[in-house]
C-alpha cells in the first residue's frame, strides 16, 4: 500500500516529526520514546508496541518495522516550498488491510495538521479510541 500527502513545510520538519519522540507524540502516539534501534509506542487504547528502526536518512527516508509491516516514509522536497511524503507499507496481512489503510490516512492527516497548523486533531481519550470506532489514532 502506498499513500502520499503534500505538506507546506520543510523536509527537516517532516523528518523531525517522524524521528523524534516529541515529533511522534505530536501526531502519532501518546508516547514514542526510542531506545537504540527501537521505538516504544504507547497508544490511547492501552496498546503498546516496539518497532525496530531499519533505516534513517536525514530529510529523505525513515523506515521501520511497524507491527507486521515494513513501513517506509520517503520525503521529497518540491520546487513550490512544499514536501511530498510517500508512505509505503509492505507485507500487511490481508485481514488487517482495511484497518491499516484507514489508520494510515488518519495518521498522515494528523501529521499534516500538526506540521501546517500546529494542531493535534486527536482527542487523547481512552474512552474514544480507534477500538470504539473513533477516527483517532
N, C-alpha and C. Protein backbone atom coordinates (compact mmCIF):
# COMPACT_ATOMS: atom_id res chain seq x y z
N UNK A 1 0.83 -1.17 0.00
CA UNK A 1 0.00 0.00 0.00
C UNK A 1 0.88 1.23 0.00
N UNK A 2 0.45 2.23 -0.74
CA UNK A 2 1.18 3.48 -0.82
C UNK A 2 0.20 4.64 -0.60
N UNK A 3 0.62 5.59 0.24
CA UNK A 3 -0.14 6.81 0.48
C UNK A 3 0.80 7.98 0.20
N UNK A 4 0.23 9.09 -0.26
CA UNK A 4 1.01 10.31 -0.48
C UNK A 4 0.28 11.48 0.16
N UNK A 5 1.06 12.38 0.73
CA UNK A 5 0.49 13.61 1.28
C UNK A 5 1.47 14.73 1.00
N UNK A 6 0.94 15.88 0.64
CA UNK A 6 1.77 17.04 0.37
C UNK A 6 1.59 18.03 1.52
N UNK A 7 2.69 18.58 2.02
CA UNK A 7 2.64 19.50 3.15
C UNK A 7 3.42 20.77 2.86
N UNK A 8 2.88 21.89 3.33
CA UNK A 8 3.58 23.17 3.24
C UNK A 8 4.55 23.26 4.42
N UNK A 9 5.67 22.59 4.28
CA UNK A 9 6.69 22.56 5.33
C UNK A 9 8.00 22.10 4.70
N UNK A 10 9.00 21.96 5.53
CA UNK A 10 10.32 21.54 5.06
C UNK A 10 10.53 20.05 5.26
N UNK A 11 11.48 19.52 4.53
CA UNK A 11 11.85 18.12 4.69
C UNK A 11 12.35 17.88 6.12
N UNK A 12 13.07 18.85 6.67
CA UNK A 12 13.58 18.72 8.04
C UNK A 12 12.43 18.61 9.04
N UNK A 13 11.37 19.39 8.87
CA UNK A 13 10.23 19.33 9.79
C UNK A 13 9.54 17.97 9.73
N UNK A 14 9.37 17.44 8.54
CA UNK A 14 8.75 16.11 8.40
C UNK A 14 9.64 15.06 9.04
N UNK A 15 10.91 15.11 8.72
CA UNK A 15 11.85 14.13 9.26
C UNK A 15 11.87 14.18 10.79
N UNK A 16 11.90 15.38 11.36
CA UNK A 16 11.90 15.52 12.82
C UNK A 16 10.61 14.97 13.43
N UNK A 17 9.48 15.19 12.78
CA UNK A 17 8.21 14.68 13.29
C UNK A 17 8.21 13.15 13.33
N UNK A 18 8.81 12.53 12.34
CA UNK A 18 8.85 11.07 12.27
C UNK A 18 9.90 10.45 13.18
N UNK A 19 11.00 11.15 13.40
CA UNK A 19 12.15 10.50 14.03
C UNK A 19 12.44 10.92 15.46
N UNK A 20 11.69 11.87 16.01
CA UNK A 20 11.94 12.29 17.38
C UNK A 20 10.75 11.94 18.27
N UNK A 21 11.00 11.66 19.54
CA UNK A 21 9.88 11.38 20.44
C UNK A 21 8.87 12.53 20.51
N UNK A 22 9.35 13.76 20.57
CA UNK A 22 8.46 14.93 20.62
C UNK A 22 7.63 15.02 19.34
N UNK A 23 8.27 14.78 18.21
CA UNK A 23 7.55 14.82 16.94
C UNK A 23 6.48 13.75 16.87
N UNK A 24 6.81 12.51 17.19
CA UNK A 24 5.85 11.40 17.10
C UNK A 24 4.67 11.59 18.05
N UNK A 25 4.93 12.14 19.24
CA UNK A 25 3.85 12.38 20.20
C UNK A 25 2.91 13.48 19.69
N UNK A 26 3.39 14.35 18.84
CA UNK A 26 2.58 15.45 18.34
C UNK A 26 1.49 15.03 17.35
N UNK A 27 1.61 13.83 16.77
CA UNK A 27 0.61 13.43 15.78
C UNK A 27 0.30 11.94 15.75
N UNK A 28 1.11 11.08 16.39
CA UNK A 28 1.02 9.65 16.13
C UNK A 28 0.62 8.83 17.35
N UNK A 29 1.31 8.98 18.46
CA UNK A 29 1.11 8.11 19.62
C UNK A 29 1.14 8.94 20.91
N UNK A 30 0.66 8.36 21.99
CA UNK A 30 0.69 9.05 23.27
C UNK A 30 2.12 9.19 23.78
N UNK A 31 2.93 8.19 23.54
CA UNK A 31 4.37 8.29 23.78
C UNK A 31 5.06 7.42 22.74
N UNK A 32 6.28 7.81 22.41
CA UNK A 32 7.02 7.08 21.38
C UNK A 32 8.51 7.32 21.57
N UNK A 33 9.00 6.88 22.71
CA UNK A 33 10.42 7.04 23.01
C UNK A 33 11.24 5.99 22.29
N UNK A 34 12.48 6.32 22.06
CA UNK A 34 13.37 5.41 21.33
C UNK A 34 14.53 5.00 22.21
N UNK A 35 14.82 3.71 22.19
CA UNK A 35 15.99 3.15 22.85
C UNK A 35 16.75 2.36 21.80
N UNK A 36 17.97 2.77 21.55
CA UNK A 36 18.78 2.15 20.49
C UNK A 36 18.00 2.18 19.19
N UNK A 37 17.76 1.03 18.58
CA UNK A 37 17.06 0.98 17.30
C UNK A 37 15.57 0.66 17.44
N UNK A 38 15.00 0.83 18.62
CA UNK A 38 13.59 0.50 18.85
C UNK A 38 12.80 1.70 19.35
N UNK A 39 11.66 1.93 18.73
CA UNK A 39 10.71 2.95 19.19
C UNK A 39 9.63 2.22 19.97
N UNK A 40 9.35 2.70 21.16
CA UNK A 40 8.36 2.08 22.04
C UNK A 40 7.09 2.93 22.03
N UNK A 41 6.13 2.52 21.18
CA UNK A 41 4.88 3.26 21.01
C UNK A 41 3.89 2.89 22.10
N UNK A 42 3.17 3.89 22.62
CA UNK A 42 2.04 3.71 23.54
C UNK A 42 0.87 4.46 22.93
N UNK A 43 -0.30 3.81 22.86
CA UNK A 43 -1.49 4.39 22.25
C UNK A 43 -2.59 4.60 23.28
N UNK A 44 -3.57 5.48 23.00
CA UNK A 44 -4.61 5.79 23.98
C UNK A 44 -5.43 4.58 24.44
N UNK A 45 -5.57 3.58 23.60
CA UNK A 45 -6.37 2.40 23.97
C UNK A 45 -5.59 1.41 24.84
N UNK A 46 -4.38 1.78 25.25
CA UNK A 46 -3.57 0.92 26.11
C UNK A 46 -2.62 0.02 25.34
N UNK A 47 -2.74 -0.03 24.04
CA UNK A 47 -1.85 -0.85 23.21
C UNK A 47 -0.45 -0.26 23.24
N UNK A 48 0.53 -1.14 23.33
CA UNK A 48 1.92 -0.73 23.21
C UNK A 48 2.60 -1.64 22.20
N UNK A 49 3.60 -1.11 21.56
CA UNK A 49 4.31 -1.87 20.53
C UNK A 49 5.71 -1.30 20.38
N UNK A 50 6.69 -2.17 20.21
CA UNK A 50 8.06 -1.75 19.93
C UNK A 50 8.35 -2.03 18.46
N UNK A 51 8.82 -1.01 17.77
CA UNK A 51 9.13 -1.10 16.35
C UNK A 51 10.62 -0.89 16.14
N UNK A 52 11.19 -1.74 15.34
CA UNK A 52 12.63 -1.62 15.04
C UNK A 52 12.84 -0.65 13.88
N UNK A 53 13.73 0.30 14.08
CA UNK A 53 14.11 1.22 13.01
C UNK A 53 15.05 0.49 12.08
N UNK A 54 14.72 0.45 10.82
CA UNK A 54 15.52 -0.26 9.82
C UNK A 54 16.55 0.67 9.18
N UNK A 55 16.10 1.88 8.83
CA UNK A 55 16.99 2.81 8.15
C UNK A 55 16.49 4.23 8.37
N UNK A 56 17.43 5.14 8.45
CA UNK A 56 17.08 6.55 8.64
C UNK A 56 18.11 7.41 7.92
N UNK A 57 17.64 8.18 6.95
CA UNK A 57 18.50 9.11 6.21
C UNK A 57 17.90 10.50 6.40
N UNK A 58 18.61 11.38 7.10
CA UNK A 58 18.05 12.70 7.41
C UNK A 58 17.42 13.40 6.20
N UNK A 59 16.18 13.85 6.44
CA UNK A 59 15.41 14.64 5.47
C UNK A 59 15.05 13.89 4.19
N UNK A 60 15.27 12.59 4.14
CA UNK A 60 14.99 11.80 2.94
C UNK A 60 14.14 10.57 3.22
N UNK A 61 14.50 9.78 4.25
CA UNK A 61 13.89 8.47 4.42
C UNK A 61 13.88 8.05 5.89
N UNK A 62 12.79 7.39 6.26
CA UNK A 62 12.69 6.77 7.58
C UNK A 62 11.94 5.46 7.40
N UNK A 63 12.54 4.36 7.83
CA UNK A 63 11.96 3.03 7.61
C UNK A 63 11.97 2.26 8.91
N UNK A 64 10.85 1.61 9.23
CA UNK A 64 10.76 0.82 10.44
C UNK A 64 9.85 -0.38 10.25
N UNK A 65 9.99 -1.35 11.13
CA UNK A 65 9.05 -2.47 11.20
C UNK A 65 7.94 -2.01 12.13
N UNK A 66 6.77 -1.77 11.56
CA UNK A 66 5.65 -1.25 12.35
C UNK A 66 4.57 -2.31 12.38
N UNK A 67 4.41 -2.92 13.53
CA UNK A 67 3.59 -4.10 13.69
C UNK A 67 4.10 -5.14 12.70
N UNK A 68 3.31 -5.63 11.80
CA UNK A 68 3.79 -6.70 10.92
C UNK A 68 4.27 -6.20 9.56
N UNK A 69 4.31 -4.89 9.38
CA UNK A 69 4.63 -4.34 8.06
C UNK A 69 5.96 -3.59 8.07
N UNK A 70 6.67 -3.71 6.97
CA UNK A 70 7.82 -2.84 6.74
C UNK A 70 7.23 -1.53 6.25
N UNK A 71 7.50 -0.45 6.98
CA UNK A 71 6.89 0.83 6.68
C UNK A 71 7.97 1.85 6.38
N UNK A 72 7.90 2.41 5.18
CA UNK A 72 8.92 3.34 4.71
C UNK A 72 8.29 4.69 4.41
N UNK A 73 8.88 5.73 4.97
CA UNK A 73 8.48 7.11 4.69
C UNK A 73 9.58 7.74 3.84
N UNK A 74 9.22 8.22 2.66
CA UNK A 74 10.17 8.93 1.80
C UNK A 74 9.73 10.38 1.70
N UNK A 75 10.68 11.28 1.86
CA UNK A 75 10.40 12.71 1.85
C UNK A 75 11.01 13.32 0.60
N UNK A 76 10.18 14.05 -0.17
CA UNK A 76 10.66 14.71 -1.39
C UNK A 76 10.37 16.20 -1.29
N UNK A 77 11.39 17.02 -1.41
CA UNK A 77 11.20 18.47 -1.46
C UNK A 77 10.75 18.87 -2.86
N UNK A 78 9.78 19.75 -2.93
CA UNK A 78 9.26 20.23 -4.21
C UNK A 78 9.74 21.65 -4.48
N UNK A 79 9.55 22.11 -5.69
CA UNK A 79 10.01 23.45 -6.08
C UNK A 79 9.09 24.56 -5.59
N UNK A 80 7.97 24.22 -4.98
CA UNK A 80 6.99 25.23 -4.55
C UNK A 80 6.94 25.39 -3.03
N UNK A 81 8.05 25.14 -2.37
CA UNK A 81 8.15 25.24 -0.91
C UNK A 81 7.23 24.28 -0.17
N UNK A 82 6.98 23.14 -0.77
CA UNK A 82 6.23 22.07 -0.12
C UNK A 82 7.07 20.80 -0.17
N UNK A 83 6.62 19.81 0.56
CA UNK A 83 7.25 18.49 0.52
C UNK A 83 6.17 17.44 0.34
N UNK A 84 6.49 16.41 -0.37
CA UNK A 84 5.61 15.27 -0.52
C UNK A 84 6.17 14.13 0.32
N UNK A 85 5.32 13.58 1.16
CA UNK A 85 5.68 12.42 1.96
C UNK A 85 4.99 11.21 1.35
N UNK A 86 5.77 10.19 1.04
CA UNK A 86 5.24 8.95 0.48
C UNK A 86 5.44 7.86 1.53
N UNK A 87 4.35 7.24 1.92
CA UNK A 87 4.39 6.16 2.90
C UNK A 87 4.11 4.86 2.15
N UNK A 88 4.98 3.90 2.31
CA UNK A 88 4.83 2.59 1.67
C UNK A 88 4.85 1.53 2.77
N UNK A 89 3.75 0.82 2.91
CA UNK A 89 3.66 -0.26 3.90
C UNK A 89 3.60 -1.58 3.15
N UNK A 90 4.51 -2.48 3.47
CA UNK A 90 4.61 -3.77 2.80
C UNK A 90 4.27 -4.90 3.76
N UNK A 91 3.77 -5.99 3.21
CA UNK A 91 3.50 -7.22 3.97
C UNK A 91 2.38 -7.06 5.00
N UNK A 92 1.36 -6.31 4.65
CA UNK A 92 0.21 -6.15 5.55
C UNK A 92 -0.65 -7.40 5.41
N UNK A 93 -0.93 -8.06 6.52
CA UNK A 93 -1.79 -9.25 6.46
C UNK A 93 -3.17 -8.89 5.89
N UNK A 94 -3.68 -9.72 5.01
CA UNK A 94 -4.96 -9.45 4.34
C UNK A 94 -6.10 -9.10 5.30
N UNK A 95 -6.25 -9.81 6.44
CA UNK A 95 -7.36 -9.46 7.34
C UNK A 95 -7.23 -8.05 7.94
N UNK A 96 -6.03 -7.48 7.93
CA UNK A 96 -5.81 -6.16 8.52
C UNK A 96 -5.84 -5.02 7.50
N UNK A 97 -6.05 -5.36 6.23
CA UNK A 97 -5.92 -4.38 5.15
C UNK A 97 -6.79 -3.14 5.36
N UNK A 98 -8.08 -3.30 5.59
CA UNK A 98 -8.98 -2.15 5.72
C UNK A 98 -8.60 -1.26 6.90
N UNK A 99 -8.31 -1.87 8.04
CA UNK A 99 -7.97 -1.08 9.22
C UNK A 99 -6.65 -0.34 9.03
N UNK A 100 -5.67 -1.01 8.46
CA UNK A 100 -4.38 -0.37 8.23
C UNK A 100 -4.52 0.77 7.22
N UNK A 101 -5.28 0.54 6.17
CA UNK A 101 -5.49 1.57 5.16
C UNK A 101 -6.08 2.84 5.78
N UNK A 102 -7.15 2.68 6.53
CA UNK A 102 -7.79 3.82 7.19
C UNK A 102 -6.89 4.42 8.27
N UNK A 103 -6.17 3.58 8.99
CA UNK A 103 -5.31 4.07 10.06
C UNK A 103 -4.21 4.98 9.56
N UNK A 104 -3.59 4.62 8.45
CA UNK A 104 -2.52 5.47 7.93
C UNK A 104 -3.06 6.78 7.40
N UNK A 105 -4.27 6.78 6.83
CA UNK A 105 -4.88 8.04 6.41
C UNK A 105 -5.04 8.95 7.63
N UNK A 106 -5.52 8.40 8.73
CA UNK A 106 -5.68 9.18 9.95
C UNK A 106 -4.34 9.74 10.44
N UNK A 107 -3.33 8.91 10.48
CA UNK A 107 -2.01 9.34 10.94
C UNK A 107 -1.46 10.45 10.04
N UNK A 108 -1.55 10.26 8.73
CA UNK A 108 -0.99 11.24 7.80
C UNK A 108 -1.73 12.58 7.86
N UNK A 109 -3.05 12.54 7.98
CA UNK A 109 -3.79 13.80 8.09
C UNK A 109 -3.47 14.50 9.41
N UNK A 110 -3.25 13.74 10.45
CA UNK A 110 -2.82 14.31 11.72
C UNK A 110 -1.46 14.97 11.57
N UNK A 111 -0.56 14.30 10.87
CA UNK A 111 0.77 14.86 10.64
C UNK A 111 0.67 16.19 9.89
N UNK A 112 -0.14 16.23 8.86
CA UNK A 112 -0.32 17.46 8.08
C UNK A 112 -0.87 18.59 8.96
N UNK A 113 -1.87 18.29 9.77
CA UNK A 113 -2.45 19.31 10.65
C UNK A 113 -1.40 19.84 11.64
N UNK A 114 -0.60 18.94 12.16
CA UNK A 114 0.45 19.35 13.09
C UNK A 114 1.50 20.21 12.40
N UNK A 115 1.99 19.76 11.25
CA UNK A 115 3.06 20.48 10.56
C UNK A 115 2.62 21.83 10.01
N UNK A 116 1.41 21.89 9.44
CA UNK A 116 0.97 23.12 8.79
C UNK A 116 0.27 24.09 9.73
N UNK A 117 -0.35 23.58 10.79
CA UNK A 117 -1.16 24.45 11.65
C UNK A 117 -0.82 24.35 13.13
N UNK A 118 0.08 23.44 13.49
CA UNK A 118 0.48 23.30 14.88
C UNK A 118 -0.61 22.76 15.78
N UNK A 119 -1.54 21.99 15.20
CA UNK A 119 -2.64 21.45 16.00
C UNK A 119 -2.61 19.93 16.01
N UNK A 120 -3.20 19.38 17.06
CA UNK A 120 -3.32 17.94 17.23
C UNK A 120 -4.80 17.61 17.13
N UNK A 121 -5.20 16.86 16.13
CA UNK A 121 -6.60 16.53 15.89
C UNK A 121 -7.12 15.41 16.79
N UNK A 122 -6.23 14.72 17.48
CA UNK A 122 -6.64 13.57 18.29
C UNK A 122 -7.32 14.02 19.57
N UNK A 123 -8.15 13.14 20.14
CA UNK A 123 -8.86 13.50 21.37
C UNK A 123 -8.15 13.03 22.64
N UNK A 124 -7.20 12.12 22.55
CA UNK A 124 -6.43 11.63 23.71
C UNK A 124 -7.34 11.11 24.83
N UNK A 125 -8.37 10.43 24.47
CA UNK A 125 -9.37 9.94 25.42
C UNK A 125 -9.43 8.42 25.33
N UNK A 126 -9.14 7.73 26.43
CA UNK A 126 -9.15 6.27 26.44
C UNK A 126 -10.53 5.69 26.15
N UNK A 127 -11.58 6.48 26.29
CA UNK A 127 -12.94 6.02 26.02
C UNK A 127 -13.41 6.34 24.61
N UNK A 128 -12.57 7.00 23.83
CA UNK A 128 -12.93 7.35 22.46
C UNK A 128 -11.74 7.04 21.54
N UNK A 129 -11.44 5.77 21.41
CA UNK A 129 -10.27 5.34 20.62
C UNK A 129 -10.71 4.67 19.33
N UNK A 130 -9.73 4.31 18.56
CA UNK A 130 -9.94 3.58 17.30
C UNK A 130 -10.79 2.33 17.55
N UNK A 131 -10.54 1.65 18.67
CA UNK A 131 -11.27 0.41 19.01
C UNK A 131 -12.77 0.64 19.17
N UNK A 132 -13.15 1.86 19.58
CA UNK A 132 -14.58 2.17 19.75
C UNK A 132 -15.16 2.82 18.49
N UNK A 133 -14.42 2.81 17.41
CA UNK A 133 -14.91 3.34 16.15
C UNK A 133 -14.65 4.82 15.92
N UNK A 134 -13.82 5.43 16.78
CA UNK A 134 -13.49 6.84 16.60
C UNK A 134 -12.31 6.97 15.66
N UNK A 135 -12.34 7.96 14.78
CA UNK A 135 -11.22 8.24 13.89
C UNK A 135 -10.20 8.98 14.74
N UNK A 136 -9.36 8.23 15.38
CA UNK A 136 -8.40 8.80 16.33
C UNK A 136 -7.27 7.80 16.49
N UNK A 137 -6.10 8.13 15.94
CA UNK A 137 -5.01 7.18 16.02
C UNK A 137 -4.44 7.23 17.37
